[in-house]
Amino acid sequence: MDVVAEGPWAWMLYVDGDRHVLCVVCGTVAVYELAMQLRPDEVDAFRAGGAAALDRLARQVADAPRRFWDRNLPGFNDEPGVREATQRWVDQR
């Protein structure tokens, strides 16, 4: 598991093999994170457009999180390797 891209204070992209998980910061007064596995077309868009493609997707998620709620991965941050990947990313900055 590795973090491979970030939109500061907006989203982080985790990759573990073929699995790509986008964690998006949502909310206004109270903030929370919605983690969702990217579909193949979204992975392709990221590969073609880089962070700008994820910025657009993350904005859609943050603006209307209920539209994406069925894709939410509760407990993603507790999965093995996620905290370590986040810490490695932070340490590189």
Protein backbone atom coordinates (compact mmCIF):
# COMPACT_ATOMS: atom_id res chain seq x y z
CA MET A 1 0.00 0.00 0.00
CA ASP A 2 1.33 3.42 -0.99
CA VAL A 3 0.04 6.95 -1.30
CA VAL A 4 0.84 8.04 -4.85
CA ALA A 5 -0.87 11.43 -5.14
CA GLU A 6 -2.52 14.08 -3.01
CA GLY A 7 -4.63 17.18 -3.31
CA PRO A 8 -3.70 18.93 -0.05
CA TRP A 9 -6.63 19.14 2.38
CA ALA A 10 -8.84 17.57 -0.31
CA TRP A 11 -7.89 13.98 -1.21
CA MET A 12 -5.26 11.21 -1.16
CA LEU A 13 -4.88 8.32 -3.57
CA TYR A 14 -3.78 4.97 -2.13
CA VAL A 15 -2.60 2.18 -4.41
CA ASP A 16 -2.15 -1.45 -3.48
CA GLY A 17 -1.48 -3.51 -6.60
CA ASP A 18 -4.43 -2.92 -8.92
CA ARG A 19 -6.57 -1.44 -6.14
CA HIS A 20 -6.83 2.36 -6.18
CA VAL A 21 -8.64 4.01 -3.27
CA LEU A 22 -9.43 7.72 -3.29
CA CYS A 23 -10.02 9.28 0.13
CA VAL A 24 -11.88 12.58 -0.15
CA VAL A 25 -12.39 15.15 2.60
CA CYS A 26 -16.10 16.05 2.75
CA GLY A 27 -18.24 18.34 4.86
CA THR A 28 -18.15 21.94 5.98
CA VAL A 29 -18.39 22.56 9.70
CA ALA A 30 -17.88 18.91 10.55
CA VAL A 31 -15.48 17.19 8.17
CA TYR A 32 -15.23 13.50 7.40
CA GLU A 33 -13.57 11.32 4.84
CA LEU A 34 -15.20 9.23 2.16
CA ALA A 35 -12.92 6.46 0.87
CA MET A 36 -13.90 4.75 -2.36
CA GLN A 37 -12.28 2.28 -4.69
CA LEU A 38 -11.82 3.74 -8.14
CA ARG A 39 -13.49 2.06 -11.07
CA PRO A 40 -11.30 1.07 -14.05
CA ASP A 41 -12.46 4.12 -16.06
CA GLU A 42 -11.49 6.41 -13.16
CA VAL A 43 -8.06 4.76 -12.92
CA ASP A 44 -7.62 5.27 -16.67
CA ALA A 45 -8.62 8.93 -16.29
CA PHE A 46 -6.01 9.34 -13.54
CA ARG A 47 -3.32 7.69 -15.65
CA ALA A 48 -4.17 9.95 -18.60
CA GLY A 49 -4.82 13.19 -16.71
CA GLY A 50 -2.86 12.86 -13.49
CA ALA A 51 -3.84 14.77 -10.39
CA ALA A 52 -6.15 17.09 -12.35
CA ALA A 53 -8.45 14.14 -13.08
CA LEU A 54 -8.59 13.27 -9.38
CA ASP A 55 -9.18 16.92 -8.47
CA ARG A 56 -12.31 16.87 -10.65
CA LEU A 57 -13.54 13.57 -9.23
CA ALA A 58 -12.80 14.61 -5.63
CA ARG A 59 -14.69 17.87 -6.17
CA GLN A 60 -17.72 15.87 -7.37
CA VAL A 61 -17.50 13.64 -4.29
CA ALA A 62 -17.08 16.56 -1.88
CA ASP A 63 -19.94 18.49 -3.49
CA ALA A 64 -22.38 15.55 -3.42
CA PRO A 65 -21.05 12.80 -1.14
CA ARG A 66 -24.41 11.04 -0.93
CA ARG A 67 -24.12 10.22 -4.65
CA PHE A 68 -20.97 8.23 -3.83
CA TRP A 69 -21.97 6.82 -0.43
CA ASP A 70 -22.67 3.34 -1.79
CA ARG A 71 -18.98 3.18 -2.78
CA ASN A 72 -17.73 4.21 0.68
CA LEU A 73 -15.24 1.83 2.32
CA PRO A 74 -15.92 2.15 6.06
CA GLY A 75 -12.85 1.44 8.13
CA PHE A 76 -10.43 1.90 5.22
CA ASN A 77 -7.98 3.79 7.45
CA ASP A 78 -7.84 0.78 9.76
CA GLU A 79 -6.85 -1.63 6.98
CA PRO A 80 -3.31 -3.05 7.16
CA GLY A 81 -0.72 -0.75 5.64
CA VAL A 82 -2.86 2.39 5.33
CA ARG A 83 -1.47 4.27 8.32
CA GLU A 84 2.09 3.31 7.39
CA ALA A 85 1.56 4.48 3.79
CA THR A 86 0.16 7.78 5.04
CA GLN A 87 3.10 8.28 7.39
CA ARG A 88 5.64 7.53 4.62
CA TRP A 89 3.91 10.10 2.40
CA VAL A 90 3.93 12.73 5.15
CA ASP A 91 7.59 12.04 5.93
CA GLN A 92 8.51 12.60 2.26
CA ARG A 93 7.00 16.06 2.31
